[in-house]
C-alpha atoms as a PDB file:
ATOM      1  CA  UNK A   1       0.000   0.000   0.000  1.00  0.00           C
ATOM      2  CA  UNK A   2       1.424   3.386  -1.034  1.00  0.00           C
ATOM      3  CA  UNK A   3       1.500   6.308   1.376  1.00  0.00           C
ATOM      4  CA  UNK A   4      -1.696   8.356   1.104  1.00  0.00           C
ATOM      5  CA  UNK A   5      -1.596  11.992   0.020  1.00  0.00           C
ATOM      6  CA  UNK A   6      -2.503  14.018   3.119  1.00  0.00           C
ATOM      7  CA  UNK A   7      -3.406  17.712   3.123  1.00  0.00           C
ATOM      8  CA  UNK A   8      -4.269  19.664   6.269  1.00  0.00           C
ATOM      9  CA  UNK A   9      -5.251  23.333   6.416  1.00  0.00           C
ATOM     10  CA  UNK A  10      -6.291  25.893   9.002  1.00  0.00           C
ATOM     11  CA  UNK A  11      -8.286  28.216   6.768  1.00  0.00           C
ATOM     12  CA  UNK A  12      -8.896  31.951   7.094  1.00  0.00           C
ATOM     13  CA  UNK A  13     -11.207  32.177   4.079  1.00  0.00           C
ATOM     14  CA  UNK A  14     -14.595  30.500   3.634  1.00  0.00           C
ATOM     15  CA  UNK A  15     -14.519  26.821   2.689  1.00  0.00           C
ATOM     16  CA  UNK A  16     -16.260  26.101  -0.613  1.00  0.00           C
ATOM     17  CA  UNK A  17     -17.015  22.367  -0.520  1.00  0.00           C
ATOM     18  CA  UNK A  18     -17.806  22.001  -4.253  1.00  0.00           C
ATOM     19  CA  UNK A  19     -14.455  23.538  -5.235  1.00  0.00           C
ATOM     20  CA  UNK A  20     -12.571  21.414  -2.703  1.00  0.00           C
ATOM     21  CA  UNK A  21     -14.326  18.266  -3.894  1.00  0.00           C
ATOM     22  CA  UNK A  22     -13.431  18.963  -7.538  1.00  0.00           C
ATOM     23  CA  UNK A  23      -9.745  19.484  -6.664  1.00  0.00           C
ATOM     24  CA  UNK A  24      -9.671  16.446  -4.384  1.00  0.00           C
ATOM     25  CA  UNK A  25     -11.244  14.173  -6.993  1.00  0.00           C
ATOM     26  CA  UNK A  26      -8.999  15.472  -9.801  1.00  0.00           C
ATOM     27  CA  UNK A  27      -5.871  14.780  -7.719  1.00  0.00           C
ATOM     28  CA  UNK A  28      -6.842  11.134  -7.219  1.00  0.00           C
ATOM     29  CA  UNK A  29      -6.000  10.201 -10.775  1.00  0.00           C
ATOM     30  CA  UNK A  30      -8.361   7.230 -10.732  1.00  0.00           C
ATOM     31  CA  UNK A  31      -6.530   5.534  -7.853  1.00  0.00           C
ATOM     32  CA  UNK A  32      -9.561   5.240  -5.542  1.00  0.00           C
ATOM     33  CA  UNK A  33     -12.698   3.160  -5.590  1.00  0.00           C
ATOM     34  CA  UNK A  34     -14.509   5.290  -3.020  1.00  0.00           C
ATOM     35  CA  UNK A  35     -14.559   8.878  -1.875  1.00  0.00           C
ATOM     36  CA  UNK A  36     -16.383  10.206   1.193  1.00  0.00           C
ATOM     37  CA  UNK A  37     -16.662  13.853   2.231  1.00  0.00           C
ATOM     38  CA  UNK A  38     -18.097  15.628   5.232  1.00  0.00           C
ATOM     39  CA  UNK A  39     -18.942  19.296   5.538  1.00  0.00           C
ATOM     40  CA  UNK A  40     -19.689  20.665   8.995  1.00  0.00           C
ATOM     41  CA  UNK A  41     -21.751  23.860   9.201  1.00  0.00           C
ATOM     42  CA  UNK A  42     -21.987  26.472  11.914  1.00  0.00           C
ATOM     43  CA  UNK A  43     -25.325  25.870  13.606  1.00  0.00           C
ATOM     44  CA  UNK A  44     -27.852  28.692  13.864  1.00  0.00           C
ATOM     45  CA  UNK A  45     -28.994  27.463  17.262  1.00  0.00           C
ATOM     46  CA  UNK A  46     -27.042  26.657  20.443  1.00  0.00           C
ATOM     47  CA  UNK A  47     -27.681  23.489  22.424  1.00  0.00           C
ATOM     48  CA  UNK A  48     -30.013  25.460  24.736  1.00  0.00           C
ATOM     49  CA  UNK A  49     -32.060  26.726  21.775  1.00  0.00           C
ATOM     50  CA  UNK A  50     -30.723  30.289  21.769  1.00  0.00           C
ATOM     51  CA  UNK A  51     -29.838  31.913  18.447  1.00  0.00           C
ATOM     52  CA  UNK A  52     -26.258  31.781  17.162  1.00  0.00           C
ATOM     53  CA  UNK A  53     -25.153  34.322  14.583  1.00  0.00           C
ATOM     54  CA  UNK A  54     -21.537  33.175  14.390  1.00  0.00           C
ATOM     55  CA  UNK A  55     -18.931  30.923  15.895  1.00  0.00           C
ATOM     56  CA  UNK A  56     -15.522  32.366  16.701  1.00  0.00           C
ATOM     57  CA  UNK A  57     -12.591  29.949  16.717  1.00  0.00           C
ATOM     58  CA  UNK A  58      -9.447  31.166  18.397  1.00  0.00           C
ATOM     59  CA  UNK A  59      -6.340  29.117  17.730  1.00  0.00           C
ATOM     60  CA  UNK A  60      -2.599  28.845  18.207  1.00  0.00           C
ATOM     61  CA  UNK A  61      -0.883  28.842  14.787  1.00  0.00           C
ATOM     62  CA  UNK A  62       1.562  26.030  15.584  1.00  0.00           C
ATOM     63  CA  UNK A  63      -0.389  23.922  18.089  1.00  0.00           C
ATOM     64  CA  UNK A  64      -3.653  24.000  16.146  1.00  0.00           C
ATOM     65  CA  UNK A  65      -2.033  22.948  12.872  1.00  0.00           C
ATOM     66  CA  UNK A  66      -0.048  20.227  14.648  1.00  0.00           C
ATOM     67  CA  UNK A  67      -3.222  18.875  16.280  1.00  0.00           C
ATOM     68  CA  UNK A  68      -4.956  18.666  12.883  1.00  0.00           C
ATOM     69  CA  UNK A  69      -1.911  16.988  11.342  1.00  0.00           C
ATOM     70  CA  UNK A  70      -1.796  14.427  14.162  1.00  0.00           C
ATOM     71  CA  UNK A  71      -5.498  13.646  13.762  1.00  0.00           C
ATOM     72  CA  UNK A  72      -5.150  13.262   9.977  1.00  0.00           C
ATOM     73  CA  UNK A  73      -2.062  11.057  10.370  1.00  0.00           C
ATOM     74  CA  UNK A  74      -3.933   8.798  12.803  1.00  0.00           C
ATOM     75  CA  UNK A  75      -6.764   8.363  10.308  1.00  0.00           C
ATOM     76  CA  UNK A  76      -4.361   7.641   7.457  1.00  0.00           C
ATOM     77  CA  UNK A  77      -2.444   5.143   9.590  1.00  0.00           C
ATOM     78  CA  UNK A  78      -5.546   3.288  10.731  1.00  0.00           C
ATOM     79  CA  UNK A  79      -7.308   2.969   7.359  1.00  0.00           C
ATOM     80  CA  UNK A  80      -6.185   2.003   3.859  1.00  0.00           C
ATOM     81  CA  UNK A  81      -6.467   5.404   2.194  1.00  0.00           C
ATOM     82  CA  UNK A  82      -5.340   6.872  -1.114  1.00  0.00           C
ATOM     83  CA  UNK A  83      -5.827  10.492  -0.049  1.00  0.00           C
ATOM     84  CA  UNK A  84      -7.071  12.508   2.891  1.00  0.00           C
ATOM     85  CA  UNK A  85      -7.836  16.195   3.314  1.00  0.00           C
ATOM     86  CA  UNK A  86      -8.827  18.110   6.432  1.00  0.00           C
ATOM     87  CA  UNK A  87      -9.638  21.823   6.298  1.00  0.00           C
ATOM     88  CA  UNK A  88     -10.876  23.681   9.374  1.00  0.00           C
ATOM     89  CA  UNK A  89     -11.844  27.346   9.583  1.00  0.00           C
ATOM     90  CA  UNK A  90     -10.514  29.715  12.201  1.00  0.00           C
ATOM     91  CA  UNK A  91     -11.724  33.161  13.213  1.00  0.00           C
ATOM     92  CA  UNK A  92     -15.322  34.280  12.715  1.00  0.00           C
ATOM     93  CA  UNK A  93     -17.574  31.800  10.899  1.00  0.00           C
ATOM     94  CA  UNK A  94     -21.153  32.939  10.270  1.00  0.00           C
ATOM     95  CA  UNK A  95     -24.100  30.667  11.010  1.00  0.00           C
ATOM     96  CA  UNK A  96     -24.761  28.433   8.020  1.00  0.00           C
ATOM     97  CA  UNK A  97     -21.171  28.635   6.718  1.00  0.00           C
ATOM     98  CA  UNK A  98     -18.894  25.619   6.408  1.00  0.00           C
ATOM     99  CA  UNK A  99     -16.577  25.300   9.381  1.00  0.00           C
ATOM    100  CA  UNK A 100     -14.880  21.995   8.540  1.00  0.00           C
ATOM    101  CA  UNK A 101     -14.377  19.878   5.441  1.00  0.00           C
ATOM    102  CA  UNK A 102     -12.966  16.350   5.483  1.00  0.00           C
ATOM    103  CA  UNK A 103     -12.451  14.075   2.489  1.00  0.00           C
ATOM    104  CA  UNK A 104     -11.087  10.540   2.349  1.00  0.00           C
ATOM    105  CA  UNK A 105     -10.476   8.382  -0.698  1.00  0.00           C
ATOM    106  CA  UNK A 106      -9.791   4.671  -0.458  1.00  0.00           C
ATOM    107  CA  UNK A 107      -9.804   1.535  -2.583  1.00  0.00           C
ATOM    108  CA  UNK A 108     -13.067   0.512  -0.881  1.00  0.00           C
ATOM    109  CA  UNK A 109     -15.933   2.491   0.700  1.00  0.00           C
ATOM    110  CA  UNK A 110     -15.751   1.232   4.302  1.00  0.00           C
ATOM    111  CA  UNK A 111     -12.258   2.648   4.889  1.00  0.00           C
ATOM    112  CA  UNK A 112     -13.264   6.040   3.479  1.00  0.00           C
ATOM    113  CA  UNK A 113     -16.434   6.234   5.610  1.00  0.00           C
ATOM    114  CA  UNK A 114     -14.669   5.149   8.791  1.00  0.00           C
ATOM    115  CA  UNK A 115     -11.711   7.464   8.255  1.00  0.00           C
ATOM    116  CA  UNK A 116     -13.985  10.509   7.955  1.00  0.00           C
ATOM    117  CA  UNK A 117     -15.995   9.380  10.999  1.00  0.00           C
ATOM    118  CA  UNK A 118     -12.870   8.892  13.135  1.00  0.00           C
ATOM    119  CA  UNK A 119     -11.389  12.205  12.069  1.00  0.00           C
ATOM    120  CA  UNK A 120     -14.569  14.128  12.872  1.00  0.00           C
ATOM    121  CA  UNK A 121     -14.869  12.489  16.303  1.00  0.00           C
ATOM    122  CA  UNK A 122     -11.270  13.436  17.067  1.00  0.00           C
ATOM    123  CA  UNK A 123     -11.604  16.971  15.652  1.00  0.00           C
ATOM    124  CA  UNK A 124     -14.595  17.631  17.927  1.00  0.00           C
ATOM    125  CA  UNK A 125     -12.665  16.589  21.042  1.00  0.00           C
ATOM    126  CA  UNK A 126      -8.952  17.077  20.345  1.00  0.00           C
ATOM    127  CA  UNK A 127      -8.351  19.841  17.818  1.00  0.00           C
ATOM    128  CA  UNK A 128      -6.706  22.841  19.484  1.00  0.00           C
ATOM    129  CA  UNK A 129      -9.355  25.509  19.060  1.00  0.00           C
ATOM    130  CA  UNK A 130     -11.151  27.688  21.573  1.00  0.00           C
ATOM    131  CA  UNK A 131     -14.748  28.092  20.406  1.00  0.00           C
ATOM    132  CA  UNK A 132     -17.161  30.885  21.228  1.00  0.00           C
ATOM    133  CA  UNK A 133     -20.782  31.118  20.158  1.00  0.00           C
ATOM    134  CA  UNK A 134     -21.943  34.670  19.439  1.00  0.00           C
ATOM    135  CA  UNK A 135     -25.593  35.652  19.250  1.00  0.00           C
ATOM    136  CA  UNK A 136     -28.089  38.387  20.060  1.00  0.00           C
ATOM    137  CA  UNK A 137     -28.100  37.312  23.722  1.00  0.00           C
ATOM    138  CA  UNK A 138     -24.303  37.607  24.011  1.00  0.00           C
ATOM    139  CA  UNK A 139     -21.322  35.307  23.712  1.00  0.00           C
ATOM    140  CA  UNK A 140     -20.253  32.125  25.475  1.00  0.00           C
ATOM    141  CA  UNK A 141     -17.263  29.823  25.213  1.00  0.00           C
ATOM    142  CA  UNK A 142     -18.166  26.203  24.461  1.00  0.00           C
ATOM    143  CA  UNK A 143     -16.485  22.867  25.106  1.00  0.00           C
ATOM    144  CA  UNK A 144     -16.917  19.374  23.625  1.00  0.00           C
ATOM    145  CA  UNK A 145     -20.095  17.744  24.899  1.00  0.00           C
ATOM    146  CA  UNK A 146     -20.516  14.409  26.669  1.00  0.00           C
ATOM    147  CA  UNK A 147     -21.852  13.014  23.374  1.00  0.00           C
ATOM    148  CA  UNK A 148     -18.726  14.271  21.565  1.00  0.00           C
ATOM    149  CA  UNK A 149     -16.515  12.468  24.111  1.00  0.00           C
ATOM    150  CA  UNK A 150     -18.654   9.308  23.925  1.00  0.00           C
ATOM    151  CA  UNK A 151     -18.376   9.286  20.121  1.00  0.00           C
ATOM    152  CA  UNK A 152     -14.598   9.710  20.370  1.00  0.00           C
ATOM    153  CA  UNK A 153     -14.332   6.801  22.856  1.00  0.00           C
ATOM    154  CA  UNK A 154     -15.581   4.338  20.197  1.00  0.00           C
ATOM    155  CA  UNK A 155     -12.186   4.511  18.539  1.00  0.00           C
ATOM    156  CA  UNK A 156     -10.100   3.508  21.566  1.00  0.00           C
END
């Protein structure tokens, strides 16, 4: 098995999933039998039902990128992948905008699905970001939920 192509990005600009998908697919050169993508969006409603106008993600330039690289490397090591991309926004992300984009390509579908699932569970709990929900009622810093941690625990 050849080493997968891995790309990781902490993005300042909006993520455009259709453009990323086209580039990702073109770079595969027919080497994959399956491709799975996930786009996470900033929710318009907090867990308590209050309105969210934006999510602000503070980060550390070195530690945040390293955490994303480590998570991507773990996914690529665990599953038979051809390519893997992880892009995560930082700064202010308006409600409804893409905040994260993950793509995995593999010879077979199961590896691609599971790689994206693992990476998202780890991003939610381990990526070095400090997240704040902003809305008409004010701002509040948020942490991973019990469900996020439970989902992450499935992977050992």
